[in-house]
Protein backbone atom coordinates (compact mmCIF):
# COMPACT_ATOMS: atom_id res chain seq x y z
CA MET A 1 9.49 -1.58 -44.90
CA SER A 2 12.63 -2.77 -43.15
CA GLU A 3 12.92 -6.24 -41.74
CA ALA A 4 12.75 -6.79 -37.99
CA LYS A 5 16.17 -7.02 -36.42
CA ALA A 6 17.14 -9.32 -33.60
CA MET A 7 17.95 -7.80 -30.24
CA ASN A 8 21.61 -7.22 -29.56
CA LEU A 9 22.24 -9.53 -26.64
CA ARG A 10 25.57 -8.47 -25.19
CA PHE A 11 26.34 -9.39 -21.63
CA PRO A 12 29.44 -8.07 -19.87
CA ASP A 13 29.19 -10.94 -17.40
CA PRO A 14 29.64 -14.36 -19.07
CA GLU A 15 28.03 -16.09 -16.07
CA GLN A 16 24.92 -13.95 -16.44
CA ARG A 17 24.70 -14.81 -20.15
CA ALA A 18 25.14 -18.51 -19.39
CA ALA A 19 22.43 -18.40 -16.70
CA ILE A 20 19.98 -16.68 -19.06
CA ALA A 21 20.84 -19.06 -21.90
CA ALA A 22 20.26 -22.05 -19.62
CA ALA A 23 16.94 -20.65 -18.39
CA ALA A 24 15.81 -19.95 -21.98
CA LYS A 25 16.82 -23.45 -23.06
CA HIS A 26 14.93 -24.90 -20.09
CA GLU A 27 11.82 -22.97 -21.17
CA GLY A 28 12.33 -24.04 -24.79
CA VAL A 29 12.53 -20.50 -26.18
CA SER A 30 15.18 -18.24 -27.65
CA MET A 31 17.16 -15.93 -25.36
CA GLN A 32 15.45 -12.95 -26.96
CA GLU A 33 11.99 -14.37 -26.31
CA TYR A 34 12.96 -15.35 -22.77
CA ILE A 35 14.25 -11.84 -21.97
CA LEU A 36 11.22 -10.15 -23.53
CA SER A 37 8.77 -12.39 -21.70
CA ALA A 38 10.61 -11.81 -18.41
CA ALA A 39 10.48 -8.04 -18.99
CA TYR A 40 6.78 -8.25 -19.81
CA ALA A 41 6.09 -10.33 -16.70
CA ARG A 42 7.94 -7.82 -14.56
CA ALA A 43 6.10 -4.88 -16.11
CA THR A 44 2.71 -6.49 -15.60
CA ALA A 45 3.65 -7.33 -12.00
CA VAL A 46 4.48 -3.67 -11.40
CA GLU A 47 1.20 -2.67 -13.03
CA GLN A 48 -0.73 -5.13 -10.86
CA ARG A 49 0.97 -3.84 -7.72
CA PHE A 50 -0.04 -0.29 -8.67
CA LEU A 51 -3.63 -1.37 -9.36
CA ASP A 52 -3.80 -3.24 -6.03
CA GLY A 53 -2.55 -0.14 -4.20
CA PHE A 54 -5.04 2.03 -6.05
CA GLU A 55 -7.88 -0.35 -5.17
CA GLN A 56 -6.87 -0.26 -1.49
CA SER A 57 -6.74 3.53 -1.62
CA MET A 58 -10.21 3.68 -3.13
CA ALA A 59 -11.52 1.35 -0.41
CA ARG A 60 -10.02 3.57 2.30
CA SER A 61 -11.51 6.67 0.69
CA GLY A 62 -14.90 5.03 0.42
CA ALA A 63 -14.75 3.99 4.06
CA ALA A 64 -13.86 7.54 5.08
CA PHE A 65 -16.85 8.97 3.22
CA ALA A 66 -19.17 6.30 4.60
CA ALA A 67 -18.09 6.97 8.20
CA GLU A 68 -20.39 8.66 10.67
CA PRO A 69 -20.21 12.44 10.75
CA SER A 70 -17.57 13.62 13.19
CA SER A 71 -17.61 16.50 15.60
CA ALA A 72 -16.04 18.62 12.85
CA ASP A 73 -19.24 18.33 10.83
CA PRO A 74 -21.77 21.05 11.68
CA GLY A 75 -24.93 20.00 13.44
CA PRO A 76 -28.43 21.22 12.53
CA GLU A 77 -28.18 24.13 14.95
CA GLU A 78 -24.85 25.26 13.52
CA ARG A 79 -26.19 25.00 9.98
CA ALA A 80 -29.23 27.09 10.90
CA ALA A 81 -27.02 29.74 12.51
CA GLU A 82 -24.80 29.77 9.40
CA GLN A 83 -27.80 30.23 7.13
CA LYS A 84 -29.12 33.07 9.30
CA ALA A 85 -25.71 34.81 9.28
CA LEU A 86 -25.49 34.48 5.50
CA GLN A 87 -28.96 35.92 5.06
CA GLU A 88 -28.07 38.86 7.31
CA LEU A 89 -24.89 39.51 5.29
CA GLU A 90 -26.81 39.40 2.02
CA HIS A 91 -29.39 41.81 3.46
CA GLN A 92 -26.64 44.21 4.58
CA GLU A 93 -24.92 44.02 1.15
CA ARG A 94 -28.19 44.81 -0.60
CA GLY A 95 -28.61 47.85 1.62
CA HIS A 96 -25.11 49.11 0.73
CA ALA A 97 -25.68 48.51 -2.97
CA ALA A 98 -28.79 50.69 -3.04
């Protein structure tokens, strides 16, 4: 098994490298560890933002399903008329099938 290799830390901007090196030194970690932990923190922040949005979406969906029936929902009379029409259609289809 090959040995783990260190990350290649090349920075085209010397000021950026110096800022990261200073931040890593302030945290008491290597530049590699500092960069990896920053990337992990950013990734978990993105994940948390997604999960928060998903949770809000679920709450909105739940509220929509818990809401009172609207005028678009059929009332008892409309349901009864629908059932009667379906029964009549089935009766007609049986007559044609025979």
